C-alpha atoms as a PDB file:
ATOM      1  CA  MET A   1       0.051   0.110   0.115  1.00  0.00           C
ATOM      2  CA  ARG A   2       1.348   3.517  -1.096  1.00  0.00           C
ATOM      3  CA  LEU A   3       1.394   5.822   1.958  1.00  0.00           C
ATOM      4  CA  ALA A   4       3.514   8.612   0.274  1.00  0.00           C
ATOM      5  CA  PRO A   5       6.068   9.175  -2.358  1.00  0.00           C
ATOM      6  CA  HIS A   6       8.894   6.542  -1.709  1.00  0.00           C
ATOM      7  CA  LEU A   7       7.091   5.062   1.068  1.00  0.00           C
ATOM      8  CA  HIS A   8       4.760   1.901   0.855  1.00  0.00           C
ATOM      9  CA  ARG A   9       3.436  -0.519   3.622  1.00  0.00           C
ATOM     10  CA  LEU A  10       3.240  -4.391   3.525  1.00  0.00           C
ATOM     11  CA  GLY A  11       0.861  -6.064   5.823  1.00  0.00           C
ATOM     12  CA  ASN A  12      -1.694  -4.300   7.944  1.00  0.00           C
ATOM     13  CA  ASP A  13      -2.405  -2.931  11.511  1.00  0.00           C
ATOM     14  CA  THR A  14      -1.743  -6.371  13.026  1.00  0.00           C
ATOM     15  CA  VAL A  15       2.018  -6.848  11.479  1.00  0.00           C
ATOM     16  CA  ALA A  16       3.625  -4.452   9.204  1.00  0.00           C
ATOM     17  CA  CYS A  17       6.856  -3.964   7.383  1.00  0.00           C
ATOM     18  CA  TYR A  18       7.897  -1.271   4.834  1.00  0.00           C
ATOM     19  CA  LEU A  19       9.258  -0.395   1.440  1.00  0.00           C
ATOM     20  CA  VAL A  20      11.291   2.584   0.319  1.00  0.00           C
ATOM     21  CA  ASP A  21      11.182   3.141  -3.341  1.00  0.00           C
ATOM     22  CA  THR A  22      13.781   5.336  -4.922  1.00  0.00           C
ATOM     23  CA  ALA A  23      15.421   5.500  -8.338  1.00  0.00           C
ATOM     24  CA  GLU A  24      18.629   3.637  -7.049  1.00  0.00           C
ATOM     25  CA  GLY A  25      16.456   0.664  -5.917  1.00  0.00           C
ATOM     26  CA  ILE A  26      14.548  -0.542  -3.004  1.00  0.00           C
ATOM     27  CA  THR A  27      15.327  -0.434   0.771  1.00  0.00           C
ATOM     28  CA  LEU A  28      12.890  -2.704   2.936  1.00  0.00           C
ATOM     29  CA  VAL A  29      12.483  -2.037   6.644  1.00  0.00           C
ATOM     30  CA  ASP A  30      11.635  -5.103   8.468  1.00  0.00           C
ATOM     31  CA  ALA A  31      10.073  -8.283   6.989  1.00  0.00           C
ATOM     32  CA  GLY A  32       6.921  -9.070   8.698  1.00  0.00           C
ATOM     33  CA  LEU A  33       5.784 -12.619   8.882  1.00  0.00           C
ATOM     34  CA  PRO A  34       6.844 -15.344   6.245  1.00  0.00           C
ATOM     35  CA  GLY A  35       3.531 -15.059   4.477  1.00  0.00           C
ATOM     36  CA  HIS A  36       4.313 -11.248   3.846  1.00  0.00           C
ATOM     37  CA  TRP A  37       6.538 -12.442   0.793  1.00  0.00           C
ATOM     38  CA  ARG A  38       3.407 -12.443  -1.270  1.00  0.00           C
ATOM     39  CA  ASP A  39       2.640  -8.903  -0.328  1.00  0.00           C
ATOM     40  CA  LEU A  40       6.060  -7.880  -1.279  1.00  0.00           C
ATOM     41  CA  GLN A  41       5.985  -9.331  -4.585  1.00  0.00           C
ATOM     42  CA  ARG A  42       2.454  -7.746  -5.283  1.00  0.00           C
ATOM     43  CA  GLU A  43       3.887  -4.343  -4.237  1.00  0.00           C
ATOM     44  CA  LEU A  44       6.912  -4.695  -6.407  1.00  0.00           C
ATOM     45  CA  ARG A  45       4.927  -5.742  -9.390  1.00  0.00           C
ATOM     46  CA  SER A  46       2.594  -2.514  -8.729  1.00  0.00           C
ATOM     47  CA  LEU A  47       5.793  -0.444  -8.974  1.00  0.00           C
ATOM     48  CA  GLY A  48       7.178  -2.389 -12.254  1.00  0.00           C
ATOM     49  CA  LYS A  49       9.963  -3.830  -9.997  1.00  0.00           C
ATOM     50  CA  SER A  50      11.117  -7.096  -8.761  1.00  0.00           C
ATOM     51  CA  VAL A  51      13.141  -8.485  -6.019  1.00  0.00           C
ATOM     52  CA  ASP A  52      16.181  -7.835  -7.929  1.00  0.00           C
ATOM     53  CA  ASP A  53      15.563  -4.196  -7.183  1.00  0.00           C
ATOM     54  CA  VAL A  54      15.904  -4.670  -3.698  1.00  0.00           C
ATOM     55  CA  ARG A  55      19.345  -3.488  -2.244  1.00  0.00           C
ATOM     56  CA  GLY A  56      19.062  -4.264   1.406  1.00  0.00           C
ATOM     57  CA  LEU A  57      16.749  -5.124   4.336  1.00  0.00           C
ATOM     58  CA  VAL A  58      17.082  -3.276   7.570  1.00  0.00           C
ATOM     59  CA  LEU A  59      15.593  -4.943  10.745  1.00  0.00           C
ATOM     60  CA  THR A  60      14.578  -2.635  13.549  1.00  0.00           C
ATOM     61  CA  HIS A  61      15.361  -5.606  15.961  1.00  0.00           C
ATOM     62  CA  GLY A  62      15.535  -9.508  15.816  1.00  0.00           C
ATOM     63  CA  ASP A  63      12.172 -10.919  16.943  1.00  0.00           C
ATOM     64  CA  SER A  64      10.478 -13.520  14.864  1.00  0.00           C
ATOM     65  CA  ASP A  65       7.432 -11.407  13.780  1.00  0.00           C
ATOM     66  CA  HIS A  66       9.959  -8.774  11.856  1.00  0.00           C
ATOM     67  CA  LEU A  67      11.992 -11.549  10.495  1.00  0.00           C
ATOM     68  CA  GLY A  68       9.533 -13.030   8.109  1.00  0.00           C
ATOM     69  CA  PHE A  69      10.802 -13.359   4.776  1.00  0.00           C
ATOM     70  CA  ALA A  70      14.416 -11.985   5.796  1.00  0.00           C
ATOM     71  CA  GLU A  71      16.292 -15.429   5.178  1.00  0.00           C
ATOM     72  CA  ARG A  72      14.541 -16.332   2.005  1.00  0.00           C
ATOM     73  CA  LEU A  73      15.531 -12.940   0.839  1.00  0.00           C
ATOM     74  CA  ARG A  74      18.895 -13.235   1.750  1.00  0.00           C
ATOM     75  CA  SER A  75      19.832 -16.860   0.949  1.00  0.00           C
ATOM     76  CA  ALA A  76      17.902 -17.134  -2.350  1.00  0.00           C
ATOM     77  CA  HIS A  77      18.286 -13.528  -3.794  1.00  0.00           C
ATOM     78  CA  GLY A  78      21.443 -12.381  -2.166  1.00  0.00           C
ATOM     79  CA  VAL A  79      20.014  -9.337  -0.270  1.00  0.00           C
ATOM     80  CA  PRO A  80      22.005  -8.235   2.666  1.00  0.00           C
ATOM     81  CA  VAL A  81      20.254  -8.175   5.997  1.00  0.00           C
ATOM     82  CA  PHE A  82      21.366  -5.466   8.427  1.00  0.00           C
ATOM     83  CA  VAL A  83      20.532  -5.801  12.282  1.00  0.00           C
ATOM     84  CA  HIS A  84      22.197  -3.887  15.301  1.00  0.00           C
ATOM     85  CA  ALA A  85      24.891  -5.851  16.713  1.00  0.00           C
ATOM     86  CA  ALA A  86      23.177  -6.448  20.058  1.00  0.00           C
ATOM     87  CA  ASP A  87      20.364  -8.116  18.361  1.00  0.00           C
ATOM     88  CA  ALA A  88      22.335 -10.208  15.598  1.00  0.00           C
ATOM     89  CA  ALA A  89      22.262 -13.494  17.872  1.00  0.00           C
ATOM     90  CA  ARG A  90      18.675 -12.912  18.462  1.00  0.00           C
ATOM     91  CA  ALA A  91      18.076 -12.806  14.704  1.00  0.00           C
ATOM     92  CA  ARG A  92      20.177 -15.713  14.199  1.00  0.00           C
ATOM     93  CA  THR A  93      18.663 -18.047  16.832  1.00  0.00           C
ATOM     94  CA  GLY A  94      15.455 -16.604  18.258  1.00  0.00           C
ATOM     95  CA  GLU A  95      17.057 -16.610  21.904  1.00  0.00           C
ATOM     96  CA  LYS A  96      15.561 -14.091  24.089  1.00  0.00           C
ATOM     97  CA  PRO A  97      14.914 -13.449  27.773  1.00  0.00           C
ATOM     98  CA  PRO A  98      11.490 -14.230  29.141  1.00  0.00           C
ATOM     99  CA  VAL A  99       9.260 -11.267  29.393  1.00  0.00           C
ATOM    100  CA  THR A 100       5.849 -10.641  30.776  1.00  0.00           C
ATOM    101  CA  THR A 101       2.919 -10.024  28.467  1.00  0.00           C
ATOM    102  CA  GLY A 102       1.044  -7.435  30.645  1.00  0.00           C
ATOM    103  CA  ALA A 103      -2.567  -6.970  29.949  1.00  0.00           C
ATOM    104  CA  TRP A 104      -4.127  -8.820  27.191  1.00  0.00           C
ATOM    105  CA  ARG A 105      -7.871  -9.742  26.065  1.00  0.00           C
ATOM    106  CA  PRO A 106      -8.794 -13.053  24.520  1.00  0.00           C
ATOM    107  CA  GLY A 107     -10.254 -11.621  21.378  1.00  0.00           C
ATOM    108  CA  PRO A 108      -7.607  -9.485  20.239  1.00  0.00           C
ATOM    109  CA  ALA A 109      -4.868 -11.962  21.241  1.00  0.00           C
ATOM    110  CA  LEU A 110      -6.402 -14.924  19.383  1.00  0.00           C
ATOM    111  CA  GLY A 111      -6.614 -12.518  16.467  1.00  0.00           C
ATOM    112  CA  PHE A 112      -3.037 -11.926  16.618  1.00  0.00           C
ATOM    113  CA  LEU A 113      -2.357 -15.448  16.820  1.00  0.00           C
ATOM    114  CA  GLY A 114      -4.646 -16.472  14.072  1.00  0.00           C
ATOM    115  CA  TYR A 115      -3.168 -13.788  11.762  1.00  0.00           C
ATOM    116  CA  ALA A 116       0.448 -14.998  12.374  1.00  0.00           C
ATOM    117  CA  VAL A 117      -0.851 -18.502  11.597  1.00  0.00           C
ATOM    118  CA  ARG A 118      -2.366 -17.439   8.382  1.00  0.00           C
ATOM    119  CA  LYS A 119       0.734 -15.721   7.430  1.00  0.00           C
ATOM    120  CA  ASN A 120       2.949 -18.723   8.507  1.00  0.00           C
ATOM    121  CA  GLY A 121       4.384 -16.932  11.473  1.00  0.00           C
ATOM    122  CA  LEU A 122       4.745 -20.149  13.549  1.00  0.00           C
ATOM    123  CA  ARG A 123       7.451 -21.321  11.238  1.00  0.00           C
ATOM    124  CA  THR A 124      10.200 -18.703  11.533  1.00  0.00           C
ATOM    125  CA  ARG A 125      13.352 -19.125   9.486  1.00  0.00           C
ATOM    126  CA  TYR A 126      16.165 -17.438  11.538  1.00  0.00           C
ATOM    127  CA  LEU A 127      19.019 -15.824   9.578  1.00  0.00           C
ATOM    128  CA  GLY A 128      22.005 -17.499   8.395  1.00  0.00           C
ATOM    129  CA  ALA A 129      24.173 -14.403   8.478  1.00  0.00           C
ATOM    130  CA  VAL A 130      23.480 -10.894   9.243  1.00  0.00           C
ATOM    131  CA  THR A 131      25.416  -7.460   8.696  1.00  0.00           C
ATOM    132  CA  GLU A 132      25.837  -5.846  12.168  1.00  0.00           C
ATOM    133  CA  VAL A 133      25.319  -2.101  12.399  1.00  0.00           C
ATOM    134  CA  GLY A 134      25.430   0.391  15.362  1.00  0.00           C
ATOM    135  CA  ASP A 135      23.736   3.427  16.375  1.00  0.00           C
ATOM    136  CA  GLY A 136      24.519   6.434  14.188  1.00  0.00           C
ATOM    137  CA  ASP A 137      25.321   4.264  11.067  1.00  0.00           C
ATOM    138  CA  VAL A 138      24.259   5.745   7.815  1.00  0.00           C
ATOM    139  CA  LEU A 139      23.823   2.810   5.424  1.00  0.00           C
ATOM    140  CA  ASP A 140      24.869   2.635   1.874  1.00  0.00           C
ATOM    141  CA  LEU A 141      21.344   1.779   0.817  1.00  0.00           C
ATOM    142  CA  PRO A 142      18.609   3.660  -1.395  1.00  0.00           C
ATOM    143  CA  GLY A 143      17.420   6.564   0.698  1.00  0.00           C
ATOM    144  CA  SER A 144      20.603   6.450   3.019  1.00  0.00           C
ATOM    145  CA  PRO A 145      18.919   5.007   6.181  1.00  0.00           C
ATOM    146  CA  VAL A 146      20.331   6.254   9.556  1.00  0.00           C
ATOM    147  CA  VAL A 147      20.308   3.754  12.356  1.00  0.00           C
ATOM    148  CA  VAL A 148      19.200   5.215  15.706  1.00  0.00           C
ATOM    149  CA  GLY A 149      19.721   3.044  18.859  1.00  0.00           C
ATOM    150  CA  VAL A 150      16.434   2.809  20.922  1.00  0.00           C
ATOM    151  CA  PRO A 151      17.287   0.026  23.228  1.00  0.00           C
ATOM    152  CA  GLY A 152      14.568  -1.370  25.622  1.00  0.00           C
ATOM    153  CA  HIS A 153      12.104  -3.665  23.560  1.00  0.00           C
ATOM    154  CA  SER A 154      15.309  -5.544  22.909  1.00  0.00           C
ATOM    155  CA  PRO A 155      18.959  -4.592  23.363  1.00  0.00           C
ATOM    156  CA  GLY A 156      19.457  -3.923  19.900  1.00  0.00           C
ATOM    157  CA  SER A 157      16.170  -2.316  18.991  1.00  0.00           C
ATOM    158  CA  VAL A 158      16.663   0.729  16.257  1.00  0.00           C
ATOM    159  CA  ALA A 159      14.769   3.260  14.643  1.00  0.00           C
ATOM    160  CA  VAL A 160      15.522   3.799  11.196  1.00  0.00           C
ATOM    161  CA  HIS A 161      15.351   7.373   9.907  1.00  0.00           C
ATOM    162  CA  VAL A 162      14.993   7.880   6.031  1.00  0.00           C
ATOM    163  CA  PRO A 163      14.835  11.671   5.315  1.00  0.00           C
ATOM    164  CA  LEU A 164      13.992  10.921   1.718  1.00  0.00           C
ATOM    165  CA  ALA A 165      10.664   9.546   2.765  1.00  0.00           C
ATOM    166  CA  ASP A 166      10.121  11.841   5.566  1.00  0.00           C
ATOM    167  CA  ALA A 167       9.890   8.800   7.597  1.00  0.00           C
ATOM    168  CA  LEU A 168      11.032   7.275  11.063  1.00  0.00           C
ATOM    169  CA  PHE A 169      10.555   3.467  11.358  1.00  0.00           C
ATOM    170  CA  VAL A 170      10.228   2.451  14.983  1.00  0.00           C
ATOM    171  CA  GLY A 171       9.639  -1.080  15.016  1.00  0.00           C
ATOM    172  CA  ASP A 172       8.516  -2.032  18.389  1.00  0.00           C
ATOM    173  CA  ALA A 173       9.738   1.003  20.108  1.00  0.00           C
ATOM    174  CA  LEU A 174       6.292   1.822  20.385  1.00  0.00           C
ATOM    175  CA  THR A 175       2.890   0.659  19.038  1.00  0.00           C
ATOM    176  CA  THR A 176      -0.350   2.344  17.634  1.00  0.00           C
ATOM    177  CA  ARG A 177      -2.351  -0.935  18.118  1.00  0.00           C
ATOM    178  CA  HIS A 178      -1.581  -3.245  20.972  1.00  0.00           C
ATOM    179  CA  VAL A 179      -1.904  -6.735  19.540  1.00  0.00           C
ATOM    180  CA  LEU A 180      -2.939  -8.495  22.896  1.00  0.00           C
ATOM    181  CA  THR A 181      -5.519  -5.831  24.233  1.00  0.00           C
ATOM    182  CA  GLY A 182      -6.738  -4.219  20.737  1.00  0.00           C
ATOM    183  CA  ARG A 183      -6.176  -0.767  22.253  1.00  0.00           C
ATOM    184  CA  ARG A 184      -5.272   1.700  19.530  1.00  0.00           C
ATOM    185  CA  GLY A 185      -3.368   4.872  19.785  1.00  0.00           C
ATOM    186  CA  PRO A 186       0.261   5.525  20.580  1.00  0.00           C
ATOM    187  CA  GLN A 187       1.440   3.261  23.492  1.00  0.00           C
ATOM    188  CA  PRO A 188       4.313   0.932  24.834  1.00  0.00           C
ATOM    189  CA  ALA A 189       4.599  -2.197  22.883  1.00  0.00           C
ATOM    190  CA  PRO A 190       3.895  -5.537  24.621  1.00  0.00           C
ATOM    191  CA  PHE A 191       6.722  -8.328  24.910  1.00  0.00           C
ATOM    192  CA  THR A 192       9.287  -5.564  25.886  1.00  0.00           C
ATOM    193  CA  ASP A 193      12.604  -6.627  27.632  1.00  0.00           C
ATOM    194  CA  ASP A 194      13.002  -3.458  29.588  1.00  0.00           C
ATOM    195  CA  PRO A 195       9.828  -1.202  29.729  1.00  0.00           C
ATOM    196  CA  ALA A 196      11.773   1.651  31.465  1.00  0.00           C
ATOM    197  CA  ALA A 197      14.707   1.688  29.151  1.00  0.00           C
ATOM    198  CA  ALA A 198      12.272   1.688  26.054  1.00  0.00           C
ATOM    199  CA  LEU A 199      10.351   4.677  27.374  1.00  0.00           C
ATOM    200  CA  ALA A 200      13.743   6.694  27.911  1.00  0.00           C
ATOM    201  CA  SER A 201      14.917   5.632  24.401  1.00  0.00           C
ATOM    202  CA  LEU A 202      12.118   7.764  22.913  1.00  0.00           C
ATOM    203  CA  ASP A 203      14.223  10.814  23.615  1.00  0.00           C
ATOM    204  CA  ARG A 204      16.637   9.689  21.337  1.00  0.00           C
ATOM    205  CA  ILE A 205      14.456  10.221  18.346  1.00  0.00           C
ATOM    206  CA  ALA A 206      12.816  13.474  19.427  1.00  0.00           C
ATOM    207  CA  HIS A 207      15.202  15.749  17.341  1.00  0.00           C
ATOM    208  CA  LEU A 208      14.692  13.893  13.980  1.00  0.00           C
ATOM    209  CA  PRO A 209      12.879  15.620  11.130  1.00  0.00           C
ATOM    210  CA  ALA A 210      10.017  13.458   9.981  1.00  0.00           C
ATOM    211  CA  SER A 211       6.204  13.463   9.677  1.00  0.00           C
ATOM    212  CA  TRP A 212       5.539   9.702   9.285  1.00  0.00           C
ATOM    213  CA  ILE A 213       6.105   7.678  12.625  1.00  0.00           C
ATOM    214  CA  LEU A 214       5.914   3.841  11.266  1.00  0.00           C
ATOM    215  CA  PRO A 215       5.552   1.018  14.028  1.00  0.00           C
ATOM    216  CA  GLY A 216       5.745  -2.648  13.282  1.00  0.00           C
ATOM    217  CA  HIS A 217       2.178  -3.015  14.766  1.00  0.00           C
ATOM    218  CA  GLY A 218      -0.572  -0.520  14.245  1.00  0.00           C
ATOM    219  CA  ALA A 219      -1.519   2.275  11.920  1.00  0.00           C
ATOM    220  CA  PRO A 220       1.027   4.730  10.690  1.00  0.00           C
ATOM    221  CA  TRP A 221       1.058   7.884  12.694  1.00  0.00           C
ATOM    222  CA  ARG A 222       1.440  11.347  11.303  1.00  0.00           C
ATOM    223  CA  THR A 223       3.012  13.468  13.915  1.00  0.00           C
ATOM    224  CA  SER A 224       6.556  15.159  14.733  1.00  0.00           C
ATOM    225  CA  PRO A 225       9.225  12.620  16.678  1.00  0.00           C
ATOM    226  CA  ALA A 226       9.280  15.553  19.209  1.00  0.00           C
ATOM    227  CA  ARG A 227       5.645  14.586  20.286  1.00  0.00           C
ATOM    228  CA  VAL A 228       6.099  10.804  20.567  1.00  0.00           C
ATOM    229  CA  GLY A 229       7.718  10.397  23.733  1.00  0.00           C
ATOM    230  CA  GLU A 230       5.073  12.325  25.717  1.00  0.00           C
ATOM    231  CA  ALA A 231       2.172  10.631  24.082  1.00  0.00           C
ATOM    232  CA  VAL A 232       3.494   7.090  24.704  1.00  0.00           C
ATOM    233  CA  ARG A 233       4.547   7.890  28.206  1.00  0.00           C
ATOM    234  CA  ALA A 234       0.815   9.236  29.065  1.00  0.00           C
ATOM    235  CA  ALA A 235      -0.570   6.058  27.725  1.00  0.00           C
ATOM    236  CA  ALA A 236       2.028   3.877  29.695  1.00  0.00           C
ATOM    237  CA  PRO A 237       0.849   1.667  32.789  1.00  0.00           C
ATOM    238  CA  PRO A 238       1.594   2.824  36.196  1.00  0.00           C
ATOM    239  CA  SER A 239       5.075   1.380  37.089  1.00  0.00           C
END
């Protein structure tokens, strides 16, 4: 789905990943669930392009619902996959500490599980190799994405700033639709390793120029990054 010039979304408010289209080729941010491969193919065809035009995939973190088609893209098509060094092992093995889910409701939680099943999300292919990146790196990919460390959801969680698309991809640094409660609007994401650190990390994006805030779960949010921290903290449960 086209959101704006250069900017497309794959998936929906349950699980989303993104495509940045430029004259130099395509950069992907996150890879959703395995079944989003078909969504990717459809979106590429609508642009008159193919997987051969994809120059790289940047992961906001190493959780399974963001890895989706990443290994297929890497192993079958030679597309490099970039992930923060602190999440590299997570992306390769799936190892992560136990976390509490917090509040949940049966309907939305089952809806999330059902969507994951339909998109083959219970059959994660972890990555055979990754290219490690760090905070502040400007990647040699279409759109010149900038890596901004936002640890908390995971140690290697990042936001990806693409000025060409006027966009900031935030992964699970926040959500605009809680997959376990169905609550909509900006708020902390569930399954977060360190909730306090995740909230503190939102200050690290406040200065960035962008008008699209794009989470891995929930609707795109048109706002300034300067307003994000206050809005998400206001929705956070009492500590």
